[in-house]
PDB file of N, CA and C in Angstrom:
ATOM      1  N   MET A   1      -9.062 -15.771  -9.786  1.00  0.00           N
ATOM      2  CA  MET A   1      -8.276 -15.462  -8.620  1.00  0.00           C
ATOM      3  C   MET A   1      -7.367 -14.256  -8.860  1.00  0.00           C
ATOM      4  N   ILE A   2      -6.733 -14.194 -10.029  1.00  0.00           N
ATOM      5  CA  ILE A   2      -5.826 -13.078 -10.329  1.00  0.00           C
ATOM      6  C   ILE A   2      -6.580 -11.755 -10.299  1.00  0.00           C
ATOM      7  N   GLU A   3      -7.774 -11.741 -10.864  1.00  0.00           N
ATOM      8  CA  GLU A   3      -8.526 -10.486 -10.863  1.00  0.00           C
ATOM      9  C   GLU A   3      -8.936 -10.089  -9.446  1.00  0.00           C
ATOM     10  N   HIS A   4      -9.253 -11.053  -8.598  1.00  0.00           N
ATOM     11  CA  HIS A   4      -9.575 -10.742  -7.204  1.00  0.00           C
ATOM     12  C   HIS A   4      -8.348 -10.176  -6.494  1.00  0.00           C
ATOM     13  N   ALA A   5      -7.197 -10.783  -6.737  1.00  0.00           N
ATOM     14  CA  ALA A   5      -5.951 -10.307  -6.124  1.00  0.00           C
ATOM     15  C   ALA A   5      -5.629  -8.891  -6.595  1.00  0.00           C
ATOM     16  N   PHE A   6      -5.842  -8.621  -7.875  1.00  0.00           N
ATOM     17  CA  PHE A   6      -5.577  -7.292  -8.416  1.00  0.00           C
ATOM     18  C   PHE A   6      -6.502  -6.255  -7.770  1.00  0.00           C
ATOM     19  N   ILE A   7      -7.777  -6.598  -7.652  1.00  0.00           N
ATOM     20  CA  ILE A   7      -8.748  -5.694  -7.027  1.00  0.00           C
ATOM     21  C   ILE A   7      -8.336  -5.399  -5.583  1.00  0.00           C
ATOM     22  N   ILE A   8      -7.993  -6.436  -4.838  1.00  0.00           N
ATOM     23  CA  ILE A   8      -7.580  -6.252  -3.447  1.00  0.00           C
ATOM     24  C   ILE A   8      -6.327  -5.396  -3.366  1.00  0.00           C
ATOM     25  N   ALA A   9      -5.322  -5.693  -4.195  1.00  0.00           N
ATOM     26  CA  ALA A   9      -4.062  -4.933  -4.163  1.00  0.00           C
ATOM     27  C   ALA A   9      -4.291  -3.462  -4.488  1.00  0.00           C
ATOM     28  N   MET A  10      -5.173  -3.169  -5.443  1.00  0.00           N
ATOM     29  CA  MET A  10      -5.425  -1.776  -5.809  1.00  0.00           C
ATOM     30  C   MET A  10      -6.205  -1.041  -4.724  1.00  0.00           C
ATOM     31  N   ILE A  11      -7.151  -1.704  -4.078  1.00  0.00           N
ATOM     32  CA  ILE A  11      -7.886  -1.063  -2.988  1.00  0.00           C
ATOM     33  C   ILE A  11      -6.961  -0.795  -1.806  1.00  0.00           C
ATOM     34  N   VAL A  12      -6.079  -1.744  -1.500  1.00  0.00           N
ATOM     35  CA  VAL A  12      -5.109  -1.541  -0.417  1.00  0.00           C
ATOM     36  C   VAL A  12      -4.183  -0.383  -0.758  1.00  0.00           C
ATOM     37  N   LEU A  13      -3.722  -0.306  -2.001  1.00  0.00           N
ATOM     38  CA  LEU A  13      -2.861   0.805  -2.409  1.00  0.00           C
ATOM     39  C   LEU A  13      -3.616   2.133  -2.313  1.00  0.00           C
ATOM     40  N   PHE A  14      -4.884   2.133  -2.652  1.00  0.00           N
ATOM     41  CA  PHE A  14      -5.716   3.327  -2.524  1.00  0.00           C
ATOM     42  C   PHE A  14      -5.811   3.770  -1.070  1.00  0.00           C
ATOM     43  N   ILE A  15      -6.080   2.822  -0.163  1.00  0.00           N
ATOM     44  CA  ILE A  15      -6.165   3.154   1.263  1.00  0.00           C
ATOM     45  C   ILE A  15      -4.833   3.724   1.743  1.00  0.00           C
ATOM     46  N   HIS A  16      -3.741   3.108   1.323  1.00  0.00           N
ATOM     47  CA  HIS A  16      -2.401   3.587   1.691  1.00  0.00           C
ATOM     48  C   HIS A  16      -2.176   5.016   1.182  1.00  0.00           C
ATOM     49  N   ALA A  17      -2.510   5.260  -0.069  1.00  0.00           N
ATOM     50  CA  ALA A  17      -2.286   6.580  -0.674  1.00  0.00           C
ATOM     51  C   ALA A  17      -3.136   7.665  -0.015  1.00  0.00           C
ATOM     52  N   CYS A  18      -4.271   7.299   0.528  1.00  0.00           N
ATOM     53  CA  CYS A  18      -5.129   8.280   1.198  1.00  0.00           C
ATOM     54  C   CYS A  18      -4.511   8.826   2.479  1.00  0.00           C
ATOM     55  N   SER A  19      -3.447   8.195   2.971  1.00  0.00           N
ATOM     56  CA  SER A  19      -2.778   8.677   4.182  1.00  0.00           C
ATOM     57  C   SER A  19      -1.526   9.501   3.863  1.00  0.00           C
ATOM     58  N   TRP A  20      -1.228   9.714   2.587  1.00  0.00           N
ATOM     59  CA  TRP A  20      -0.064  10.506   2.204  1.00  0.00           C
ATOM     60  C   TRP A  20      -0.288  11.971   2.570  1.00  0.00           C
ATOM     61  N   GLN A  21       0.782  12.718   2.604  1.00  0.00           N
ATOM     62  CA  GLN A  21       0.722  14.137   2.950  1.00  0.00           C
ATOM     63  C   GLN A  21      -0.244  14.880   2.022  1.00  0.00           C
ATOM     64  N   GLY A  22      -1.170  15.614   2.624  1.00  0.00           N
ATOM     65  CA  GLY A  22      -2.139  16.389   1.862  1.00  0.00           C
ATOM     66  C   GLY A  22      -3.378  15.616   1.460  1.00  0.00           C
ATOM     67  N   MET A  23      -3.445  14.321   1.765  1.00  0.00           N
ATOM     68  CA  MET A  23      -4.602  13.515   1.381  1.00  0.00           C
ATOM     69  C   MET A  23      -5.631  13.478   2.512  1.00  0.00           C
ATOM     70  N   ILE A  24      -6.794  12.936   2.217  1.00  0.00           N
ATOM     71  CA  ILE A  24      -7.938  13.015   3.116  1.00  0.00           C
ATOM     72  C   ILE A  24      -7.722  12.337   4.472  1.00  0.00           C
ATOM     73  N   PHE A  25      -6.959  11.245   4.514  1.00  0.00           N
ATOM     74  CA  PHE A  25      -6.743  10.540   5.775  1.00  0.00           C
ATOM     75  C   PHE A  25      -5.353  10.772   6.361  1.00  0.00           C
ATOM     76  N   GLU A  26      -4.731  11.873   5.998  1.00  0.00           N
ATOM     77  CA  GLU A  26      -3.412  12.197   6.554  1.00  0.00           C
ATOM     78  C   GLU A  26      -3.482  12.328   8.080  1.00  0.00           C
ATOM     79  N   GLY A  27      -4.612  12.739   8.604  1.00  0.00           N
ATOM     80  CA  GLY A  27      -4.788  12.936  10.035  1.00  0.00           C
ATOM     81  C   GLY A  27      -4.645  11.674  10.867  1.00  0.00           C
ATOM     82  N   ILE A  28      -4.748  10.503  10.231  1.00  0.00           N
ATOM     83  CA  ILE A  28      -4.576   9.249  10.976  1.00  0.00           C
ATOM     84  C   ILE A  28      -3.197   9.174  11.613  1.00  0.00           C
ATOM     85  N   LYS A  29      -2.241   9.902  11.025  1.00  0.00           N
ATOM     86  CA  LYS A  29      -0.877   9.894  11.552  1.00  0.00           C
ATOM     87  C   LYS A  29      -0.790  10.567  12.919  1.00  0.00           C
ATOM     88  N   LYS A  30      -1.777  11.402  13.241  1.00  0.00           N
ATOM     89  CA  LYS A  30      -1.815  12.015  14.572  1.00  0.00           C
ATOM     90  C   LYS A  30      -2.310  11.008  15.612  1.00  0.00           C
ATOM     91  N   LEU A  31      -3.222  10.127  15.205  1.00  0.00           N
ATOM     92  CA  LEU A  31      -3.753   9.113  16.112  1.00  0.00           C
ATOM     93  C   LEU A  31      -2.808   7.925  16.257  1.00  0.00           C
ATOM     94  N   ILE A  32      -2.293   7.463  15.140  1.00  0.00           N
ATOM     95  CA  ILE A  32      -1.381   6.313  15.124  1.00  0.00           C
ATOM     96  C   ILE A  32      -0.091   6.787  14.478  1.00  0.00           C
ATOM     97  N   ARG A  33       0.858   7.134  15.292  1.00  0.00           N
ATOM     98  CA  ARG A  33       2.116   7.720  14.820  1.00  0.00           C
ATOM     99  C   ARG A  33       2.896   6.730  13.950  1.00  0.00           C
ATOM    100  N   PRO A  34       3.556   7.245  12.911  1.00  0.00           N
ATOM    101  CA  PRO A  34       4.346   6.374  12.026  1.00  0.00           C
ATOM    102  C   PRO A  34       5.701   5.990  12.631  1.00  0.00           C
ATOM    103  N   GLU A  35       5.634   5.242  13.707  1.00  0.00           N
ATOM    104  CA  GLU A  35       6.836   4.732  14.356  1.00  0.00           C
ATOM    105  C   GLU A  35       6.496   3.358  14.919  1.00  0.00           C
ATOM    106  N   GLY A  36       7.472   2.536  15.069  1.00  0.00           N
ATOM    107  CA  GLY A  36       7.210   1.178  15.520  1.00  0.00           C
ATOM    108  C   GLY A  36       6.576   0.363  14.408  1.00  0.00           C
ATOM    109  N   HIS A  37       5.780  -0.630  14.788  1.00  0.00           N
ATOM    110  CA  HIS A  37       5.198  -1.515  13.774  1.00  0.00           C
ATOM    111  C   HIS A  37       3.677  -1.462  13.704  1.00  0.00           C
ATOM    112  N   LEU A  38       3.022  -0.760  14.613  1.00  0.00           N
ATOM    113  CA  LEU A  38       1.565  -0.735  14.638  1.00  0.00           C
ATOM    114  C   LEU A  38       0.973  -0.037  13.419  1.00  0.00           C
ATOM    115  N   TYR A  39       1.607   1.023  12.953  1.00  0.00           N
ATOM    116  CA  TYR A  39       1.034   1.786  11.855  1.00  0.00           C
ATOM    117  C   TYR A  39       1.123   1.058  10.512  1.00  0.00           C
ATOM    118  N   LYS A  40       2.075   0.160  10.364  1.00  0.00           N
ATOM    119  CA  LYS A  40       2.278  -0.496   9.059  1.00  0.00           C
ATOM    120  C   LYS A  40       1.054  -1.260   8.568  1.00  0.00           C
ATOM    121  N   PRO A  41       0.435  -2.139   9.357  1.00  0.00           N
ATOM    122  CA  PRO A  41      -0.739  -2.846   8.824  1.00  0.00           C
ATOM    123  C   PRO A  41      -1.993  -1.990   8.748  1.00  0.00           C
ATOM    124  N   ILE A  42      -1.974  -0.799   9.358  1.00  0.00           N
ATOM    125  CA  ILE A  42      -3.154   0.057   9.327  1.00  0.00           C
ATOM    126  C   ILE A  42      -3.115   1.009   8.140  1.00  0.00           C
ATOM    127  N   TYR A  43      -1.969   1.679   7.905  1.00  0.00           N
ATOM    128  CA  TYR A  43      -1.888   2.610   6.781  1.00  0.00           C
ATOM    129  C   TYR A  43      -0.491   2.760   6.187  1.00  0.00           C
ATOM    130  N   GLY A  44       0.524   2.226   6.822  1.00  0.00           N
ATOM    131  CA  GLY A  44       1.889   2.571   6.441  1.00  0.00           C
ATOM    132  C   GLY A  44       2.575   1.702   5.413  1.00  0.00           C
ATOM    133  N   CYS A  45       2.092   0.489   5.160  1.00  0.00           N
ATOM    134  CA  CYS A  45       2.808  -0.421   4.271  1.00  0.00           C
ATOM    135  C   CYS A  45       1.808  -1.294   3.513  1.00  0.00           C
ATOM    136  N   PRO A  46       1.670  -1.090   2.206  1.00  0.00           N
ATOM    137  CA  PRO A  46       0.709  -1.896   1.442  1.00  0.00           C
ATOM    138  C   PRO A  46       0.958  -3.400   1.562  1.00  0.00           C
ATOM    139  N   ILE A  47       2.210  -3.793   1.693  1.00  0.00           N
ATOM    140  CA  ILE A  47       2.514  -5.225   1.831  1.00  0.00           C
ATOM    141  C   ILE A  47       1.966  -5.740   3.159  1.00  0.00           C
ATOM    142  N   CYS A  48       2.171  -4.979   4.214  1.00  0.00           N
ATOM    143  CA  CYS A  48       1.687  -5.369   5.541  1.00  0.00           C
ATOM    144  C   CYS A  48       0.171  -5.238   5.655  1.00  0.00           C
ATOM    145  N   MET A  49      -0.411  -4.314   4.911  1.00  0.00           N
ATOM    146  CA  MET A  49      -1.851  -4.063   4.964  1.00  0.00           C
ATOM    147  C   MET A  49      -2.651  -5.151   4.257  1.00  0.00           C
ATOM    148  N   THR A  50      -2.070  -5.760   3.238  1.00  0.00           N
ATOM    149  CA  THR A  50      -2.806  -6.684   2.373  1.00  0.00           C
ATOM    150  C   THR A  50      -3.449  -7.854   3.108  1.00  0.00           C
ATOM    151  N   PRO A  51      -2.753  -8.557   4.001  1.00  0.00           N
ATOM    152  CA  PRO A  51      -3.436  -9.684   4.658  1.00  0.00           C
ATOM    153  C   PRO A  51      -4.652  -9.261   5.478  1.00  0.00           C
ATOM    154  N   TYR A  52      -4.597  -8.096   6.101  1.00  0.00           N
ATOM    155  CA  TYR A  52      -5.704  -7.650   6.942  1.00  0.00           C
ATOM    156  C   TYR A  52      -6.870  -7.126   6.114  1.00  0.00           C
ATOM    157  N   TYR A  53      -6.607  -6.076   5.337  1.00  0.00           N
ATOM    158  CA  TYR A  53      -7.664  -5.514   4.499  1.00  0.00           C
ATOM    159  C   TYR A  53      -8.120  -6.526   3.444  1.00  0.00           C
ATOM    160  N   GLY A  54      -7.170  -7.266   2.908  1.00  0.00           N
ATOM    161  CA  GLY A  54      -7.493  -8.258   1.874  1.00  0.00           C
ATOM    162  C   GLY A  54      -8.408  -9.346   2.383  1.00  0.00           C
ATOM    163  N   THR A  55      -8.173  -9.812   3.595  1.00  0.00           N
ATOM    164  CA  THR A  55      -9.031 -10.850   4.168  1.00  0.00           C
ATOM    165  C   THR A  55     -10.446 -10.330   4.365  1.00  0.00           C
ATOM    166  N   ILE A  56     -10.566  -9.108   4.851  1.00  0.00           N
ATOM    167  CA  ILE A  56     -11.897  -8.512   5.026  1.00  0.00           C
ATOM    168  C   ILE A  56     -12.614  -8.408   3.678  1.00  0.00           C
ATOM    169  N   MET A  57     -11.908  -7.900   2.665  1.00  0.00           N
ATOM    170  CA  MET A  57     -12.523  -7.771   1.336  1.00  0.00           C
ATOM    171  C   MET A  57     -12.865  -9.131   0.746  1.00  0.00           C
ATOM    172  N   TYR A  58     -11.978 -10.084   0.915  1.00  0.00           N
ATOM    173  CA  TYR A  58     -12.223 -11.426   0.377  1.00  0.00           C
ATOM    174  C   TYR A  58     -13.479 -12.026   1.004  1.00  0.00           C
ATOM    175  N   LEU A  59     -13.591 -11.914   2.315  1.00  0.00           N
ATOM    176  CA  LEU A  59     -14.756 -12.490   2.991  1.00  0.00           C
ATOM    177  C   LEU A  59     -16.055 -11.769   2.639  1.00  0.00           C
ATOM    178  N   LEU A  60     -15.973 -10.471   2.367  1.00  0.00           N
ATOM    179  CA  LEU A  60     -17.179  -9.713   2.014  1.00  0.00           C
ATOM    180  C   LEU A  60     -17.635  -9.930   0.576  1.00  0.00           C
ATOM    181  N   PHE A  61     -16.683 -10.056  -0.347  1.00  0.00           N
ATOM    182  CA  PHE A  61     -17.048  -9.991  -1.764  1.00  0.00           C
ATOM    183  C   PHE A  61     -16.846 -11.273  -2.571  1.00  0.00           C
ATOM    184  N   PHE A  62     -16.041 -12.195  -2.095  1.00  0.00           N
ATOM    185  CA  PHE A  62     -15.718 -13.365  -2.912  1.00  0.00           C
ATOM    186  C   PHE A  62     -16.131 -14.648  -2.204  1.00  0.00           C
ATOM    187  N   ARG A  63     -16.178 -15.737  -2.952  1.00  0.00           N
ATOM    188  CA  ARG A  63     -16.559 -17.012  -2.347  1.00  0.00           C
ATOM    189  C   ARG A  63     -15.467 -17.466  -1.391  1.00  0.00           C
ATOM    190  N   PHE A  64     -15.851 -18.237  -0.390  1.00  0.00           N
ATOM    191  CA  PHE A  64     -14.863 -18.642   0.608  1.00  0.00           C
ATOM    192  C   PHE A  64     -14.351 -20.041   0.328  1.00  0.00           C
ATOM    193  N   SER A  65     -13.065 -20.087   0.144  1.00  0.00           N
ATOM    194  CA  SER A  65     -12.336 -21.338   0.049  1.00  0.00           C
ATOM    195  C   SER A  65     -10.967 -21.039   0.646  1.00  0.00           C
ATOM    196  N   PHE A  66     -10.523 -21.844   1.577  1.00  0.00           N
ATOM    197  CA  PHE A  66      -9.268 -21.558   2.252  1.00  0.00           C
ATOM    198  C   PHE A  66      -8.117 -21.463   1.257  1.00  0.00           C
ATOM    199  N   VAL A  67      -8.039 -22.400   0.340  1.00  0.00           N
ATOM    200  CA  VAL A  67      -6.945 -22.396  -0.635  1.00  0.00           C
ATOM    201  C   VAL A  67      -7.044 -21.180  -1.545  1.00  0.00           C
ATOM    202  N   ASP A  68      -8.237 -20.873  -2.018  1.00  0.00           N
ATOM    203  CA  ASP A  68      -8.421 -19.698  -2.870  1.00  0.00           C
ATOM    204  C   ASP A  68      -8.081 -18.416  -2.107  1.00  0.00           C
ATOM    205  N   TRP A  69      -8.502 -18.323  -0.848  1.00  0.00           N
ATOM    206  CA  TRP A  69      -8.173 -17.161  -0.014  1.00  0.00           C
ATOM    207  C   TRP A  69      -6.665 -17.016   0.121  1.00  0.00           C
ATOM    208  N   LEU A  70      -5.986 -18.105   0.435  1.00  0.00           N
ATOM    209  CA  LEU A  70      -4.544 -18.070   0.631  1.00  0.00           C
ATOM    210  C   LEU A  70      -3.818 -17.631  -0.640  1.00  0.00           C
ATOM    211  N   LEU A  71      -4.197 -18.209  -1.769  1.00  0.00           N
ATOM    212  CA  LEU A  71      -3.567 -17.837  -3.035  1.00  0.00           C
ATOM    213  C   LEU A  71      -3.904 -16.408  -3.447  1.00  0.00           C
ATOM    214  N   THR A  72      -5.140 -15.989  -3.217  1.00  0.00           N
ATOM    215  CA  THR A  72      -5.552 -14.631  -3.572  1.00  0.00           C
ATOM    216  C   THR A  72      -4.803 -13.595  -2.737  1.00  0.00           C
ATOM    217  N   ILE A  73      -4.740 -13.795  -1.441  1.00  0.00           N
ATOM    218  CA  ILE A  73      -4.056 -12.843  -0.558  1.00  0.00           C
ATOM    219  C   ILE A  73      -2.553 -12.865  -0.826  1.00  0.00           C
ATOM    220  N   GLY A  74      -1.990 -14.024  -1.064  1.00  0.00           N
ATOM    221  CA  GLY A  74      -0.564 -14.104  -1.400  1.00  0.00           C
ATOM    222  C   GLY A  74      -0.240 -13.388  -2.691  1.00  0.00           C
ATOM    223  N   THR A  75      -1.085 -13.561  -3.691  1.00  0.00           N
ATOM    224  CA  THR A  75      -0.887 -12.870  -4.960  1.00  0.00           C
ATOM    225  C   THR A  75      -1.066 -11.369  -4.803  1.00  0.00           C
ATOM    226  N   ALA A  76      -2.066 -10.951  -4.053  1.00  0.00           N
ATOM    227  CA  ALA A  76      -2.289  -9.517  -3.805  1.00  0.00           C
ATOM    228  C   ALA A  76      -1.097  -8.910  -3.062  1.00  0.00           C
ATOM    229  N   ALA A  77      -0.542  -9.632  -2.104  1.00  0.00           N
ATOM    230  CA  ALA A  77       0.634  -9.139  -1.381  1.00  0.00           C
ATOM    231  C   ALA A  77       1.827  -9.014  -2.333  1.00  0.00           C
ATOM    232  N   GLY A  78       1.978  -9.966  -3.233  1.00  0.00           N
ATOM    233  CA  GLY A  78       3.044  -9.875  -4.240  1.00  0.00           C
ATOM    234  C   GLY A  78       2.860  -8.670  -5.143  1.00  0.00           C
ATOM    235  N   MET A  79       1.625  -8.400  -5.540  1.00  0.00           N
ATOM    236  CA  MET A  79       1.350  -7.208  -6.337  1.00  0.00           C
ATOM    237  C   MET A  79       1.650  -5.944  -5.535  1.00  0.00           C
ATOM    238  N   SER A  80       1.409  -5.993  -4.231  1.00  0.00           N
ATOM    239  CA  SER A  80       1.734  -4.848  -3.379  1.00  0.00           C
ATOM    240  C   SER A  80       3.240  -4.628  -3.312  1.00  0.00           C
ATOM    241  N   VAL A  81       4.015  -5.703  -3.346  1.00  0.00           N
ATOM    242  CA  VAL A  81       5.481  -5.568  -3.379  1.00  0.00           C
ATOM    243  C   VAL A  81       5.888  -4.785  -4.619  1.00  0.00           C
ATOM    244  N   ILE A  82       5.290  -5.128  -5.756  1.00  0.00           N
ATOM    245  CA  ILE A  82       5.604  -4.421  -7.006  1.00  0.00           C
ATOM    246  C   ILE A  82       5.221  -2.951  -6.894  1.00  0.00           C
ATOM    247  N   SER A  83       4.072  -2.656  -6.317  1.00  0.00           N
ATOM    248  CA  SER A  83       3.657  -1.254  -6.188  1.00  0.00           C
ATOM    249  C   SER A  83       4.594  -0.486  -5.262  1.00  0.00           C
ATOM    250  N   VAL A  84       5.059  -1.115  -4.186  1.00  0.00           N
ATOM    251  CA  VAL A  84       5.995  -0.447  -3.270  1.00  0.00           C
ATOM    252  C   VAL A  84       7.324  -0.172  -3.979  1.00  0.00           C
ATOM    253  N   ILE A  85       7.785  -1.116  -4.773  1.00  0.00           N
ATOM    254  CA  ILE A  85       9.019  -0.905  -5.541  1.00  0.00           C
ATOM    255  C   ILE A  85       8.847   0.268  -6.501  1.00  0.00           C
ATOM    256  N   LEU A  86       7.715   0.334  -7.179  1.00  0.00           N
ATOM    257  CA  LEU A  86       7.458   1.441  -8.108  1.00  0.00           C
ATOM    258  C   LEU A  86       7.366   2.778  -7.375  1.00  0.00           C
ATOM    259  N   ILE A  87       6.757   2.791  -6.199  1.00  0.00           N
ATOM    260  CA  ILE A  87       6.685   4.021  -5.401  1.00  0.00           C
ATOM    261  C   ILE A  87       8.084   4.456  -4.987  1.00  0.00           C
ATOM    262  N   ASP A  88       8.914   3.502  -4.558  1.00  0.00           N
ATOM    263  CA  ASP A  88      10.295   3.822  -4.173  1.00  0.00           C
ATOM    264  C   ASP A  88      11.093   4.368  -5.349  1.00  0.00           C
ATOM    265  N   ILE A  89      10.901   3.788  -6.530  1.00  0.00           N
ATOM    266  CA  ILE A  89      11.585   4.289  -7.732  1.00  0.00           C
ATOM    267  C   ILE A  89      11.130   5.707  -8.036  1.00  0.00           C
ATOM    268  N   LYS A  90       9.820   5.946  -7.977  1.00  0.00           N
ATOM    269  CA  LYS A  90       9.281   7.285  -8.230  1.00  0.00           C
ATOM    270  C   LYS A  90       9.838   8.294  -7.232  1.00  0.00           C
ATOM    271  N   ASP A  91       9.858   7.905  -5.957  1.00  0.00           N
ATOM    272  CA  ASP A  91      10.387   8.805  -4.927  1.00  0.00           C
ATOM    273  C   ASP A  91      11.861   9.102  -5.175  1.00  0.00           C
ATOM    274  N   GLY A  92      12.632   8.114  -5.579  1.00  0.00           N
ATOM    275  CA  GLY A  92      14.041   8.314  -5.866  1.00  0.00           C
ATOM    276  C   GLY A  92      14.263   9.229  -7.051  1.00  0.00           C
ATOM    277  N   ILE A  93      13.458   9.082  -8.089  1.00  0.00           N
ATOM    278  CA  ILE A  93      13.574   9.935  -9.281  1.00  0.00           C
ATOM    279  C   ILE A  93      13.188  11.364  -8.934  1.00  0.00           C
ATOM    280  N   CYS A  94      12.104  11.536  -8.188  1.00  0.00           N
ATOM    281  CA  CYS A  94      11.668  12.883  -7.810  1.00  0.00           C
ATOM    282  C   CYS A  94      12.686  13.552  -6.901  1.00  0.00           C
ATOM    283  N   LEU A  95      13.251  12.812  -5.957  1.00  0.00           N
ATOM    284  CA  LEU A  95      14.258  13.367  -5.064  1.00  0.00           C
ATOM    285  C   LEU A  95      15.508  13.761  -5.840  1.00  0.00           C
ATOM    286  N   SER A  96      15.900  12.917  -6.777  1.00  0.00           N
ATOM    287  CA  SER A  96      17.071  13.216  -7.607  1.00  0.00           C
ATOM    288  C   SER A  96      16.839  14.471  -8.447  1.00  0.00           C
ATOM    289  N   ALA A  97      15.640  14.608  -9.005  1.00  0.00           N
ATOM    290  CA  ALA A  97      15.320  15.786  -9.814  1.00  0.00           C
ATOM    291  C   ALA A  97      15.320  17.052  -8.956  1.00  0.00           C
ATOM    292  N   LYS A  98      14.795  16.960  -7.728  1.00  0.00           N
ATOM    293  CA  LYS A  98      14.806  18.123  -6.825  1.00  0.00           C
ATOM    294  C   LYS A  98      16.229  18.513  -6.467  1.00  0.00           C
ATOM    295  N   GLU A  99      17.090  17.537  -6.219  1.00  0.00           N
ATOM    296  CA  GLU A  99      18.485  17.828  -5.886  1.00  0.00           C
ATOM    297  C   GLU A  99      19.213  18.467  -7.066  1.00  0.00           C
ATOM    298  N   GLN A 100      18.931  17.970  -8.282  1.00  0.00           N
ATOM    299  CA  GLN A 100      19.554  18.564  -9.469  1.00  0.00           C
ATOM    300  C   GLN A 100      19.107  20.011  -9.658  1.00  0.00           C
ATOM    301  N   THR A 101      17.832  20.250  -9.466  1.00  0.00           N
ATOM    302  CA  THR A 101      17.291  21.600  -9.611  1.00  0.00           C
ATOM    303  C   THR A 101      17.935  22.527  -8.570  1.00  0.00           C
ATOM    304  N   ARG A 102      18.053  22.041  -7.349  1.00  0.00           N
ATOM    305  CA  ARG A 102      18.651  22.833  -6.284  1.00  0.00           C
ATOM    306  C   ARG A 102      20.133  23.121  -6.591  1.00  0.00           C
ATOM    307  N   ASN A 103      20.857  22.128  -7.082  1.00  0.00           N
ATOM    308  CA  ASN A 103      22.279  22.303  -7.410  1.00  0.00           C
ATOM    309  C   ASN A 103      22.491  23.227  -8.606  1.00  0.00           C
ATOM    310  N   ASN A 104      21.610  23.161  -9.577  1.00  0.00           N
ATOM    311  CA  ASN A 104      21.717  24.027 -10.757  1.00  0.00           C
ATOM    312  C   ASN A 104      21.354  25.472 -10.432  1.00  0.00           C
ATOM    313  N   GLY A 105      20.524  25.642  -9.420  1.00  0.00           N
ATOM    314  CA  GLY A 105      20.086  26.996  -9.032  1.00  0.00           C
ATOM    315  C   GLY A 105      21.147  27.767  -8.274  1.00  0.00           C
ATOM    316  N   ASN A 106      22.133  27.074  -7.711  1.00  0.00           N
ATOM    317  CA  ASN A 106      23.178  27.746  -6.917  1.00  0.00           C
ATOM    318  C   ASN A 106      24.333  28.197  -7.733  1.00  0.00           C
TER     319      ASN A 106
END
């Protein structure tokens, strides 16, 4: 189950990352604007995306058991929480470094 959850969480994170600026699916933001709550389960939030994409992947690739599905998707969503925290930390460090560079340049 853990390996299935890890696979699902990484694929969801991959789909999410493909919508970042400069990536192949950045254009989806023109069709589904990043405002409100509709964009989150489609491309904007790995935590919100996991139950939808994860359920599709689970049904396509793994055996079906309601309890196993529930635990797998819950675990994958938890792993997505960790990835979002790491992305936020990375963004904060990069922003801080850019601000320091800008302040040192003046």
